[in-house]
Amino acid sequence: MKKSVYPIGAVCVAAVLAVAWYVHSHAAPKAEADDGENAGSALVVTQPVKQQDMPLTISAYGDIDAGPPESLSFAQAGRLARLAVLPGQSVHRGDVIAMLDSDPAATAAYAQAANAQAFAQRKLARNRDLLALQLATQSQVDAAERQLQDAQAALAAQAKLGGAQVSLQLKAPFDAVVASIAVAQGERLAAGAVIAQLGRRDTPRVLLQVEPSLSNQLRAGMAVTLTPLQGDATPFAASIAQVQNTIDPKTQMVGAVVPLNPAKTAGLLAGMRVSAVIELGRRRAWSVPRQAVLSDAQGPYLFQVAQGKAHRVNVRTLVETSAAYGVDGALAAAQPVVVQGNYELAEGMAVREAGK
C-alpha cells in the first residue's frame, strides 16, 4: 500500500506545475504590453496658462497708532497734585488728565496785578473828579486811563497763567488715547512742562516700516492691503499718505504713514501689529502657479506640454504674489503648464496628463 503513494504524488505535482506554466504563458504578453505602453512617460498635472495684468507689490509690517500725538501742559508752575490717567488709557473730551496746585509765586503775582488794577481804577476816578472841578488836566485823565488799561492787561495775563485759581485742572481737548506720561504725581513743575501726550482717536493710522532699499519706490496714494496679525481680523484696504525721508535710528527702516477710516477699523486697538502688501503698480505677464516654476544653474524655467511631450521654457520672474508668479518667456498660450510632477521631467520626455 505504501509503495503506491509515490506515483500518485508525482502525478499531482506535475499537474500543478503544468497549470502554473499555462497561466504564466498566457498572462505575460498582456503585462508586457502594459509596461511598453507607459515606458519612459511621467504622470503630471497641468493647468492652462494665460497673460494678465498682475500687481507689483512689496510687503511690510507696522503698528496701529492712535494718531499724531499732542502734548498737554499747564501754563503756570506748581505742584502736580493728581495724575488721573495711565499710558494706553482711552479718554473722552473733557475728562480730567491732571490737577495742579498753583505755585505761590503765581498766586502772589495775580494778587499784585489785581491790586494794581484797583489802584488804577481809583486814580482814574479821582482825576475825572478833579477835571470836573478844573483841578486836573485832560492829559492827567488820559494818563490814568492808559495806566488802567495796562493794569487790566496784566491781570488778564496772570489769570491765563492760572494765578487766579488755587487749583487747576488739565482736561482732554478731544477723544484720545494716552500715548505717554512725562511726569510723576507730586512733582514740582515749571510753566509749560509737558504732562502727557494724547493721540487722537478720530485719526487712527498705521506706521509701516519699509526696507530703505525699497522706500524710493513708494509714493503717496499707493494702495495698501492691511491684515492685523492678532485674531481673525479681515484684511482691509487703505492708501499711503506720507513716506518719510529719514531712517528710524531704532529700527533702521523708513516709515510710511497710512491713515485709517475710524468707522471701518473700530475693533482695532492702538499698538496692534499688522502686515501690509503695498501695490506699486501693475504689469502684464504670464500668470503661473508658484509650484510650476523651477530653477537651476541656467535660471528659472517651467515645462509646457505639447503632443504628449514636455518642453522646457526658460522664463524671467516679473511679478510675485502669494499664489502665483508673473513670468516673461517664450510660452505658448495653447500649451498647458506642468504644475505637479515637473521635478522629474526633462526636455522631450513623454508625459501623461492626469485626468486624460
Protein backbone atom coordinates (compact mmCIF):
# COMPACT_ATOMS: atom_id res chain seq x y z
CA MET A 1 0.00 0.00 0.00
CA LYS A 2 2.79 2.45 0.87
CA LYS A 3 4.53 1.91 -2.48
CA SER A 4 1.53 3.27 -4.45
CA VAL A 5 1.66 6.68 -2.70
CA TYR A 6 4.79 7.89 -4.52
CA PRO A 7 3.48 7.61 -8.11
CA ILE A 8 0.25 9.39 -7.19
CA GLY A 9 2.15 12.28 -5.52
CA ALA A 10 4.38 12.69 -8.52
CA VAL A 11 1.38 12.94 -10.79
CA CYS A 12 -0.18 15.69 -8.61
CA VAL A 13 2.99 17.76 -8.57
CA ALA A 14 3.29 17.52 -12.33
CA ALA A 15 -0.31 18.69 -12.77
CA VAL A 16 0.24 21.77 -10.56
CA LEU A 17 3.36 22.77 -12.47
CA ALA A 18 1.51 22.42 -15.78
CA VAL A 19 -1.29 24.73 -14.65
CA ALA A 20 1.17 27.36 -13.39
CA TRP A 21 3.06 27.32 -16.69
CA TYR A 22 -0.15 27.78 -18.66
CA VAL A 23 -1.29 30.79 -16.59
CA HIS A 24 2.10 32.47 -16.84
CA SER A 25 2.42 31.92 -20.57
CA HIS A 26 -0.99 33.49 -21.28
CA ALA A 27 -0.76 36.45 -18.82
CA ALA A 28 2.78 37.63 -19.58
CA PRO A 29 2.10 39.14 -23.01
CA LYS A 30 -0.59 41.47 -21.58
CA ALA A 31 1.68 42.67 -18.77
CA GLU A 32 4.46 43.28 -21.23
CA ALA A 33 2.08 45.28 -23.41
CA ASP A 34 1.05 47.48 -20.46
CA ASP A 35 4.68 48.10 -19.48
CA GLY A 36 5.55 49.03 -23.02
CA GLU A 37 2.68 51.48 -23.31
CA ASN A 38 3.78 53.61 -20.30
CA ALA A 39 7.50 53.01 -20.50
CA GLY A 40 9.54 56.29 -20.34
CA SER A 41 6.49 58.54 -19.58
CA ALA A 42 5.73 60.57 -16.44
CA LEU A 43 2.36 61.32 -14.88
CA VAL A 44 1.87 65.09 -14.48
CA VAL A 45 -0.81 67.61 -13.56
CA THR A 46 -1.19 70.56 -15.90
CA GLN A 47 -3.02 73.86 -15.92
CA PRO A 48 -3.84 76.35 -18.68
CA VAL A 49 -1.65 79.45 -18.86
CA LYS A 50 -2.72 82.98 -19.72
CA GLN A 51 -1.42 86.52 -19.81
CA GLN A 52 -2.96 89.11 -17.49
CA ASP A 53 -2.21 92.34 -15.63
CA MET A 54 -0.65 91.40 -12.29
CA PRO A 55 0.10 93.66 -9.31
CA LEU A 56 3.67 94.61 -8.49
CA THR A 57 3.83 94.50 -4.70
CA ILE A 58 6.17 94.70 -1.74
CA SER A 59 5.50 93.54 1.81
CA ALA A 60 5.96 95.46 5.05
CA TYR A 61 4.94 95.41 8.70
CA GLY A 62 3.78 98.11 11.07
CA ASP A 63 1.73 99.10 14.10
CA ILE A 64 -1.62 100.81 14.53
CA ASP A 65 -1.16 104.25 16.07
CA ALA A 66 -3.78 106.46 17.68
CA GLY A 67 -2.82 109.45 15.56
CA PRO A 68 -0.26 112.27 15.74
CA PRO A 69 0.40 112.86 19.47
CA GLU A 70 -0.34 116.26 21.00
CA SER A 71 1.31 117.48 24.19
CA LEU A 72 -0.67 118.88 27.12
CA SER A 73 0.80 121.19 29.76
CA PHE A 74 -0.11 123.76 32.42
CA ALA A 75 0.68 127.36 31.58
CA GLN A 76 1.96 128.03 35.11
CA ALA A 77 4.33 126.42 37.57
CA GLY A 78 3.11 124.40 40.52
CA ARG A 79 2.94 121.00 42.16
CA LEU A 80 1.24 118.09 40.35
CA ALA A 81 -1.40 117.19 42.92
CA ARG A 82 -3.10 114.41 40.94
CA LEU A 83 -2.44 112.38 37.81
CA ALA A 84 -5.72 110.86 36.65
CA VAL A 85 -4.67 108.73 33.65
CA LEU A 86 -2.27 105.95 32.67
CA PRO A 87 -0.45 105.28 29.37
CA GLY A 88 -2.70 103.46 26.91
CA GLN A 89 -5.91 104.64 28.59
CA SER A 90 -8.78 105.94 26.44
CA VAL A 91 -10.18 109.33 27.42
CA HIS A 92 -13.08 111.44 26.21
CA ARG A 93 -13.16 115.14 25.59
CA GLY A 94 -13.47 116.95 28.93
CA ASP A 95 -12.03 114.13 31.06
CA VAL A 96 -9.59 115.32 33.72
CA ILE A 97 -5.98 114.43 32.90
CA ALA A 98 -4.23 116.05 35.88
CA MET A 99 -4.68 118.57 38.71
CA LEU A 100 -2.12 121.21 39.70
CA ASP A 101 -1.74 123.17 42.94
CA SER A 102 -0.79 126.69 41.91
CA ASP A 103 2.69 127.95 42.69
CA PRO A 104 2.64 130.53 45.50
CA ALA A 105 4.61 132.91 43.30
CA ALA A 106 1.92 132.77 40.59
CA THR A 107 -0.80 133.44 43.18
CA ALA A 108 1.16 136.39 44.55
CA ALA A 109 1.72 137.80 41.06
CA TYR A 110 -2.01 137.61 40.34
CA ALA A 111 -2.81 139.38 43.61
CA GLN A 112 -0.33 142.14 42.77
CA ALA A 113 -1.92 142.58 39.33
CA ALA A 114 -5.37 142.75 40.89
CA ASN A 115 -4.21 145.41 43.38
CA ALA A 116 -2.61 147.39 40.55
CA GLN A 117 -5.86 147.34 38.59
CA ALA A 118 -7.88 148.51 41.62
CA PHE A 119 -5.43 151.36 42.25
CA ALA A 120 -5.59 152.42 38.59
CA GLN A 121 -9.39 152.46 38.70
CA ARG A 122 -9.39 154.70 41.82
CA LYS A 123 -6.80 157.02 40.32
CA LEU A 124 -8.81 157.44 37.12
CA ALA A 125 -11.96 158.18 39.06
CA ARG A 126 -10.16 160.82 41.18
CA ASN A 127 -8.63 162.52 38.14
CA ARG A 128 -12.04 162.70 36.45
CA ASP A 129 -13.50 164.36 39.57
CA LEU A 130 -10.62 166.84 39.66
CA LEU A 131 -11.09 167.54 35.95
CA ALA A 132 -14.71 168.38 36.62
CA LEU A 133 -13.52 170.88 39.28
CA GLN A 134 -10.85 172.16 36.88
CA LEU A 135 -8.18 170.97 39.30
CA ALA A 136 -6.69 168.44 36.82
CA THR A 137 -5.91 168.47 33.13
CA GLN A 138 -7.21 166.23 30.38
CA SER A 139 -3.73 164.81 29.89
CA GLN A 140 -3.73 163.59 33.50
CA VAL A 141 -7.04 161.84 32.88
CA ASP A 142 -5.71 160.24 29.69
CA ALA A 143 -2.61 159.02 31.53
CA ALA A 144 -4.78 157.48 34.24
CA GLU A 145 -6.86 155.68 31.58
CA ARG A 146 -3.72 154.21 29.98
CA GLN A 147 -2.50 153.07 33.40
CA LEU A 148 -5.81 151.31 33.99
CA GLN A 149 -5.67 149.59 30.60
CA ASP A 150 -2.15 148.33 31.34
CA ALA A 151 -3.25 147.05 34.74
CA GLN A 152 -6.21 145.24 33.21
CA ALA A 153 -3.98 143.57 30.59
CA ALA A 154 -1.51 142.46 33.27
CA LEU A 155 -4.32 141.00 35.36
CA ALA A 156 -5.72 139.09 32.37
CA ALA A 157 -2.27 137.66 31.64
CA GLN A 158 -1.86 136.48 35.23
CA ALA A 159 -5.32 134.91 35.07
CA LYS A 160 -4.32 132.92 31.97
CA LEU A 161 -1.23 131.75 33.83
CA GLY A 162 -3.55 130.31 36.47
CA GLY A 163 -2.81 132.72 39.30
CA ALA A 164 -6.50 133.34 39.82
CA GLN A 165 -7.04 129.75 40.96
CA VAL A 166 -5.51 127.84 43.82
CA SER A 167 -6.01 124.53 41.97
CA LEU A 168 -6.09 123.94 38.20
CA GLN A 169 -7.49 121.09 36.11
CA LEU A 170 -6.00 119.88 32.83
CA LYS A 171 -8.72 118.33 30.63
CA ALA A 172 -8.61 116.32 27.41
CA PRO A 173 -9.43 118.61 24.46
CA PHE A 174 -10.64 115.67 22.30
CA ASP A 175 -11.33 111.92 22.38
CA ALA A 176 -7.93 110.31 22.58
CA VAL A 177 -5.61 107.56 23.78
CA VAL A 178 -2.92 108.49 26.30
CA ALA A 179 0.29 107.88 24.38
CA SER A 180 2.70 108.71 27.20
CA ILE A 181 3.03 110.32 30.65
CA ALA A 182 6.04 112.59 31.17
CA VAL A 183 5.76 113.42 34.91
CA ALA A 184 5.04 111.83 38.26
CA GLN A 185 2.36 112.73 40.77
CA GLY A 186 3.68 115.13 43.43
CA GLU A 187 6.40 116.53 41.17
CA ARG A 188 7.00 120.27 41.07
CA LEU A 189 6.61 121.51 37.51
CA ALA A 190 7.85 124.51 35.60
CA ALA A 191 5.43 126.52 33.49
CA GLY A 192 4.80 124.76 30.18
CA ALA A 193 6.21 121.40 31.26
CA VAL A 194 4.68 118.52 29.26
CA ILE A 195 2.30 116.45 31.38
CA ALA A 196 1.06 113.89 28.83
CA GLN A 197 0.82 113.19 25.11
CA LEU A 198 -2.55 112.25 23.64
CA GLY A 199 -3.16 110.54 20.29
CA ARG A 200 -6.45 111.44 18.64
CA ARG A 201 -8.90 108.56 18.30
CA ASP A 202 -10.64 110.15 15.32
CA THR A 203 -7.46 110.00 13.21
CA PRO A 204 -6.05 106.44 13.59
CA ARG A 205 -3.19 105.45 11.34
CA VAL A 206 -0.69 102.68 10.64
CA LEU A 207 3.02 103.37 10.81
CA LEU A 208 4.69 100.98 8.36
CA GLN A 209 8.38 100.09 8.42
CA VAL A 210 9.84 99.60 4.94
CA GLU A 211 13.31 98.44 3.87
CA PRO A 212 15.35 101.53 2.87
CA SER A 213 16.27 99.91 -0.47
CA LEU A 214 12.57 99.72 -1.36
CA SER A 215 11.39 103.04 0.05
CA ASN A 216 12.26 105.00 -3.11
CA GLN A 217 9.53 103.04 -4.92
CA LEU A 218 6.79 104.27 -2.58
CA ARG A 219 4.54 107.22 -3.35
CA ALA A 220 1.64 108.89 -1.59
CA GLY A 221 -1.67 107.46 -2.81
CA MET A 222 -0.44 103.90 -3.37
CA ALA A 223 -2.97 101.22 -2.41
CA VAL A 224 -2.22 99.07 0.65
CA THR A 225 -3.90 95.90 1.92
CA LEU A 226 -3.56 95.64 5.71
CA THR A 227 -4.03 92.46 7.75
CA PRO A 228 -3.99 92.53 11.59
CA LEU A 229 -1.74 89.78 12.93
CA GLN A 230 -3.81 89.24 16.10
CA GLY A 231 -7.05 87.28 15.96
CA ASP A 232 -9.10 86.53 12.86
CA ALA A 233 -9.43 90.10 11.59
CA THR A 234 -10.33 90.53 7.93
CA PRO A 235 -7.84 92.31 5.62
CA PHE A 236 -8.89 95.83 4.64
CA ALA A 237 -7.80 98.41 2.08
CA ALA A 238 -6.14 101.76 2.68
CA SER A 239 -3.60 104.02 0.96
CA ILE A 240 -0.29 105.67 1.80
CA ALA A 241 -0.49 109.32 2.82
CA GLN A 242 3.17 110.06 3.51
CA VAL A 243 6.58 108.47 3.02
CA GLN A 244 9.24 109.68 5.44
CA ASN A 245 12.65 110.69 4.12
CA THR A 246 14.70 109.56 7.11
CA ILE A 247 15.75 106.21 8.60
CA ASP A 248 14.49 105.42 12.08
CA PRO A 249 17.62 105.07 14.26
CA LYS A 250 15.99 102.29 16.31
CA THR A 251 14.59 100.09 13.53
CA GLN A 252 16.89 101.19 10.66
CA MET A 253 13.78 101.28 8.46
CA VAL A 254 11.93 104.01 6.56
CA GLY A 255 8.46 104.91 7.80
CA ALA A 256 5.27 105.22 5.75
CA VAL A 257 2.05 106.65 7.20
CA VAL A 258 -1.27 105.02 6.27
CA PRO A 259 -4.39 106.81 7.63
CA LEU A 260 -7.35 104.63 8.65
CA ASN A 261 -11.09 105.14 8.49
CA PRO A 262 -12.34 105.07 12.13
CA ALA A 263 -15.75 103.77 11.03
CA LYS A 264 -14.19 100.71 9.37
CA THR A 265 -11.49 99.99 11.94
CA ALA A 266 -13.42 100.37 15.18
CA GLY A 267 -12.32 96.98 16.52
CA LEU A 268 -8.60 97.67 16.09
CA LEU A 269 -6.52 98.81 19.05
CA ALA A 270 -3.53 101.12 19.17
CA GLY A 271 -0.31 99.11 19.21
CA MET A 272 -1.77 96.20 17.23
CA ARG A 273 0.68 94.68 14.73
CA VAL A 274 -0.30 94.47 11.05
CA SER A 275 1.18 93.15 7.83
CA ALA A 276 0.89 95.19 4.66
CA VAL A 277 1.01 94.45 0.93
CA ILE A 278 1.76 97.66 -0.98
CA GLU A 279 0.78 97.77 -4.65
CA LEU A 280 3.43 99.62 -6.65
CA GLY A 281 1.63 99.24 -9.98
CA ARG A 282 0.58 96.54 -12.45
CA ARG A 283 2.45 94.66 -15.16
CA ARG A 284 1.30 92.29 -17.90
CA ALA A 285 2.82 88.81 -17.55
CA TRP A 286 2.14 85.10 -17.89
CA SER A 287 0.39 84.04 -14.69
CA VAL A 288 1.51 80.60 -13.49
CA PRO A 289 1.25 78.83 -10.11
CA ARG A 290 4.33 79.18 -7.93
CA GLN A 291 4.97 75.42 -7.97
CA ALA A 292 5.22 75.45 -11.77
CA VAL A 293 8.45 77.46 -11.75
CA LEU A 294 11.72 75.62 -11.09
CA SER A 295 15.28 76.91 -11.02
CA ASP A 296 18.73 75.57 -11.90
CA ALA A 297 22.09 76.93 -12.97
CA GLN A 298 20.50 78.49 -16.07
CA GLY A 299 17.87 80.30 -14.02
CA PRO A 300 14.10 79.89 -13.58
CA TYR A 301 12.18 77.67 -16.00
CA LEU A 302 8.99 75.66 -16.40
CA PHE A 303 7.58 72.88 -18.58
CA GLN A 304 4.74 73.04 -21.09
CA VAL A 305 3.11 70.01 -22.70
CA ALA A 306 2.73 69.72 -26.47
CA GLN A 307 1.65 66.49 -28.26
CA GLY A 308 2.29 64.41 -25.17
CA LYS A 309 5.85 65.65 -24.58
CA ALA A 310 7.37 68.06 -22.05
CA HIS A 311 9.15 71.14 -23.37
CA ARG A 312 11.35 73.32 -21.18
CA VAL A 313 10.79 77.09 -21.35
CA ASN A 314 13.24 79.46 -19.68
CA VAL A 315 11.45 82.37 -18.01
CA ARG A 316 12.13 85.58 -16.15
CA THR A 317 10.13 86.40 -13.00
CA LEU A 318 8.46 89.81 -13.23
CA VAL A 319 5.78 89.65 -10.51
CA GLU A 320 5.42 87.60 -7.36
CA THR A 321 2.26 87.06 -5.29
CA SER A 322 1.39 84.60 -2.55
CA ALA A 323 -0.12 82.12 -5.04
CA ALA A 324 1.43 82.84 -8.43
CA TYR A 325 4.38 84.17 -10.39
CA GLY A 326 4.12 86.56 -13.27
CA VAL A 327 6.77 85.48 -15.77
CA ASP A 328 8.09 86.50 -19.15
CA GLY A 329 9.29 83.94 -21.71
CA ALA A 330 8.53 82.12 -24.95
CA LEU A 331 5.37 80.46 -23.65
CA ALA A 332 2.63 79.18 -25.95
CA ALA A 333 -0.87 80.12 -24.84
CA ALA A 334 -2.36 76.88 -26.22
CA GLN A 335 0.01 74.61 -24.27
CA PRO A 336 -0.71 73.87 -20.61
CA VAL A 337 1.98 74.31 -17.99
CA VAL A 338 3.03 71.47 -15.67
CA VAL A 339 2.23 72.24 -12.02
CA GLN A 340 2.87 68.81 -10.46
CA GLY A 341 5.39 66.15 -11.44
CA ASN A 342 7.71 68.69 -13.06
CA TYR A 343 10.75 67.81 -10.91
CA GLU A 344 11.31 64.53 -12.76
CA LEU A 345 10.87 65.94 -16.26
CA ALA A 346 13.47 66.55 -18.96
CA GLU A 347 13.24 68.16 -22.40
CA GLY A 348 11.22 66.00 -24.81
CA MET A 349 10.17 63.48 -22.18
CA ALA A 350 6.82 61.76 -22.79
CA VAL A 351 4.14 62.66 -20.25
CA ARG A 352 0.69 61.51 -19.28
CA GLU A 353 -1.67 64.25 -18.08
CA ALA A 354 -3.75 63.29 -15.08
CA GLY A 355 -7.46 63.04 -15.86
CA LYS A 356 -6.91 62.40 -19.58
